[in-house]
Amino acid sequence: MFEFDALFSSNMLLSAIGMVGFSLYVLNYTMLTARRISADQPLYFIINLSAASFVLIGLLNAFNLAAALIQVFWICVSLVGFAMRTKSEGTSRKTLRTL
């Protein structure tokens, strides 16, 4: 009986983590559409990275290869986008200091 309870709890936890990821995707897209956030901001990529990571963790409960691959894709895109935005912010700050 204990094993069933532990399994049930872990499945519920994984599902809850996946739902948090879904919520972050919706929040990020809503904020982008409402112009509360810009796709040029690193925060956009941080939220997207978090959402994809949480959904990927949630997939451990009921694995789906196609869904996992799209989450891995979004993680990679978010990491590259975040790196590009933070690098360009650093460059623009250095340029402003030299002026």
Protein backbone atom coordinates (compact mmCIF):
# COMPACT_ATOMS: atom_id res chain seq x y z
CA MET A 1 0.00 0.00 0.00
CA PHE A 2 2.86 2.38 0.81
CA GLU A 3 4.36 1.98 -2.66
CA PHE A 4 1.06 2.89 -4.30
CA ASP A 5 0.77 6.03 -2.17
CA ALA A 6 4.37 7.03 -2.97
CA LEU A 7 3.82 6.43 -6.69
CA PHE A 8 0.55 8.34 -6.65
CA SER A 9 2.20 11.25 -4.87
CA SER A 10 5.14 11.39 -7.26
CA ASN A 11 2.81 11.24 -10.28
CA MET A 12 0.77 14.08 -8.86
CA LEU A 13 3.92 16.10 -8.17
CA LEU A 14 5.19 15.58 -11.72
CA SER A 15 1.80 16.55 -13.12
CA ALA A 16 1.76 19.67 -10.96
CA ILE A 17 5.25 20.64 -12.17
CA GLY A 18 4.09 20.19 -15.78
CA MET A 19 1.07 22.39 -15.10
CA VAL A 20 3.34 25.11 -13.69
CA GLY A 21 5.28 24.93 -16.96
CA PHE A 22 2.07 25.26 -18.95
CA SER A 23 1.08 28.26 -16.82
CA LEU A 24 4.44 29.91 -17.44
CA TYR A 25 4.04 29.47 -21.20
CA VAL A 26 0.59 31.08 -21.07
CA LEU A 27 1.79 33.88 -18.79
CA ASN A 28 4.79 34.63 -21.00
CA TYR A 29 2.76 34.71 -24.21
CA THR A 30 0.05 36.84 -22.58
CA MET A 31 2.61 39.33 -21.29
CA LEU A 32 4.25 39.44 -24.72
CA THR A 33 0.91 40.05 -26.44
CA ALA A 34 -0.05 42.74 -23.91
CA ARG A 35 3.38 44.36 -24.38
CA ARG A 36 4.26 43.95 -20.71
CA ILE A 37 7.41 42.14 -21.79
CA SER A 38 9.51 42.26 -24.94
CA ALA A 39 11.08 39.37 -26.80
CA ASP A 40 14.29 41.42 -26.69
CA GLN A 41 14.45 41.12 -22.90
CA PRO A 42 16.38 38.28 -21.25
CA LEU A 43 13.39 37.78 -18.90
CA TYR A 44 11.32 36.51 -21.84
CA PHE A 45 13.85 33.74 -22.44
CA ILE A 46 14.19 32.94 -18.73
CA ILE A 47 10.43 32.40 -18.45
CA ASN A 48 10.40 30.33 -21.65
CA LEU A 49 13.33 28.24 -20.41
CA SER A 50 11.59 27.66 -17.08
CA ALA A 51 8.32 26.72 -18.78
CA ALA A 52 9.98 24.22 -21.11
CA SER A 53 12.00 22.70 -18.27
CA PHE A 54 8.94 22.27 -16.06
CA VAL A 55 6.89 20.72 -18.86
CA LEU A 56 9.79 18.36 -19.66
CA ILE A 57 9.93 17.30 -16.01
CA GLY A 58 6.14 16.81 -16.07
CA LEU A 59 6.55 14.49 -19.05
CA LEU A 60 8.36 12.00 -16.81
CA ASN A 61 4.89 11.13 -15.56
CA ALA A 62 3.56 10.20 -19.00
CA PHE A 63 6.42 10.34 -21.50
CA ASN A 64 5.75 11.43 -25.07
CA LEU A 65 8.79 11.63 -27.37
CA ALA A 66 7.40 14.35 -29.64
CA ALA A 67 6.44 16.54 -26.68
CA ALA A 68 9.84 15.96 -25.05
CA LEU A 69 11.67 16.90 -28.26
CA ILE A 70 9.76 20.17 -28.62
CA GLN A 71 10.58 21.03 -24.99
CA VAL A 72 14.27 20.30 -25.60
CA PHE A 73 14.07 22.54 -28.68
CA TRP A 74 12.55 25.39 -26.62
CA ILE A 75 15.20 24.94 -23.93
CA CYS A 76 17.96 25.25 -26.56
CA VAL A 77 16.36 28.27 -28.25
CA SER A 78 15.84 29.96 -24.89
CA LEU A 79 19.45 29.41 -23.84
CA VAL A 80 20.76 30.80 -27.13
CA GLY A 81 18.35 33.75 -27.02
CA PHE A 82 19.25 34.53 -23.42
CA ALA A 83 22.97 34.39 -24.21
CA MET A 84 22.54 36.65 -27.24
CA ARG A 85 20.47 39.20 -25.32
CA THR A 86 22.78 39.34 -22.33
CA LYS A 87 25.83 39.61 -24.60
CA SER A 88 24.26 42.44 -26.61
CA GLU A 89 23.22 44.25 -23.40
CA GLY A 90 26.78 44.04 -22.14
CA THR A 91 28.09 45.37 -25.45
CA SER A 92 25.62 48.27 -25.51
CA ARG A 93 26.48 49.21 -21.92
CA LYS A 94 30.20 49.28 -22.78
CA THR A 95 29.45 51.43 -25.83
CA LEU A 96 27.45 53.90 -23.74
CA ARG A 97 30.27 54.17 -21.19
CA THR A 98 32.82 55.00 -23.88
CA LEU A 99 30.69 57.82 -25.31
